[in-house]
Protein backbone atom coordinates (compact mmCIF):
# COMPACT_ATOMS: atom_id res chain seq x y z
CA UNK A 1 -9.68 -10.98 -1.78
CA UNK A 2 -12.16 -13.52 -0.52
CA UNK A 3 -12.16 -15.10 -3.97
CA UNK A 4 -8.36 -15.47 -3.72
CA UNK A 5 -8.84 -17.16 -0.30
CA UNK A 6 -7.28 -14.41 1.83
CA UNK A 7 -8.07 -14.94 5.50
CA UNK A 8 -10.55 -12.56 7.16
CA UNK A 9 -7.72 -11.20 9.33
CA UNK A 10 -5.57 -10.49 6.28
CA UNK A 11 -8.46 -8.68 4.60
CA UNK A 12 -8.99 -6.57 7.73
CA UNK A 13 -5.28 -5.76 7.96
CA UNK A 14 -5.03 -4.82 4.28
CA UNK A 15 -8.10 -2.58 4.53
CA UNK A 16 -6.74 -0.91 7.66
CA UNK A 17 -3.32 -0.29 6.09
CA UNK A 18 -4.84 1.05 2.89
CA UNK A 19 -7.29 3.28 4.78
CA UNK A 20 -4.46 4.87 6.79
CA UNK A 21 -2.42 5.35 3.63
CA UNK A 22 -5.28 7.10 1.83
CA UNK A 23 -6.00 9.29 4.87
CA UNK A 24 -2.34 10.29 5.00
CA UNK A 25 -2.62 11.76 1.49
CA UNK A 26 -6.15 13.12 1.81
CA UNK A 27 -6.11 16.68 0.56
CA UNK A 28 -2.61 16.38 -0.92
CA UNK A 29 -3.58 14.41 -4.02
CA UNK A 30 -7.01 14.31 -5.63
CA UNK A 31 -6.71 10.64 -6.62
CA UNK A 32 -4.52 7.75 -5.42
CA UNK A 33 -3.31 7.19 -8.97
CA UNK A 34 -1.62 10.62 -8.84
CA UNK A 35 0.57 9.80 -5.83
CA UNK A 36 4.11 9.48 -7.20
CA UNK A 37 6.44 6.57 -6.39
CA UNK A 38 8.74 8.74 -4.30
CA UNK A 39 5.80 9.59 -2.04
CA UNK A 40 5.08 5.88 -1.62
CA UNK A 41 8.71 5.34 -0.59
CA UNK A 42 8.55 8.26 1.85
CA UNK A 43 5.36 6.94 3.41
CA UNK A 44 6.74 3.42 3.79
CA UNK A 45 9.96 4.74 5.31
CA UNK A 46 7.98 5.99 8.31
CA UNK A 47 7.52 2.40 9.50
CA UNK A 48 10.40 1.18 11.65
CA UNK A 49 9.09 -2.34 12.28
CA UNK A 50 9.81 -4.70 9.39
CA UNK A 51 6.48 -6.52 9.68
CA UNK A 52 4.53 -3.26 9.71
CA UNK A 53 6.46 -2.05 6.67
CA UNK A 54 5.79 -5.32 4.83
CA UNK A 55 2.08 -5.31 5.70
CA UNK A 56 1.63 -1.76 4.45
CA UNK A 57 3.66 -2.36 1.32
CA UNK A 58 1.66 -5.50 0.52
CA UNK A 59 -1.68 -3.75 1.01
CA UNK A 60 -0.74 -0.68 -1.03
CA UNK A 61 0.89 -2.74 -3.75
CA UNK A 62 -2.17 -4.98 -4.10
CA UNK A 63 -4.43 -1.92 -4.36
CA UNK A 64 -2.29 -0.27 -7.04
CA UNK A 65 -1.83 -3.46 -9.05
CA UNK A 66 -5.35 -4.87 -8.93
CA UNK A 67 -7.52 -1.75 -8.67
CA UNK A 68 -5.50 0.92 -10.49
CA UNK A 69 -3.43 -1.24 -12.88
CA UNK A 70 -0.27 0.58 -11.79
CA UNK A 71 2.36 -2.19 -11.53
CA UNK A 72 5.20 0.13 -12.54
CA UNK A 73 4.94 2.20 -9.35
CA UNK A 74 6.61 -0.63 -7.45
CA UNK A 75 9.53 -1.34 -9.76
CA UNK A 76 12.00 0.33 -7.40
CA UNK A 77 10.31 -0.47 -4.10
CA UNK A 78 11.70 -3.55 -2.39
CA UNK A 79 10.44 -5.48 0.59
CA UNK A 80 12.55 -4.92 3.70
CA UNK A 81 14.68 -7.78 5.00
């Protein structure tokens, strides 16, 4: 993320969001790659604030796309307005 010129605050926020996401599913799935899309939608629906929802979606999406090569998991997940 530093290579892509993300700000230090953005990196901290993404790491925090991703850490909470992974802790939420700790013990339920053995690997993040096994978490189905509907579970991602359920998790994101717990956030009522639009900015919090967007931050978490961005962090999780970046992780799945860049680290797990799982672009298809987000085909039906839209950013809130």
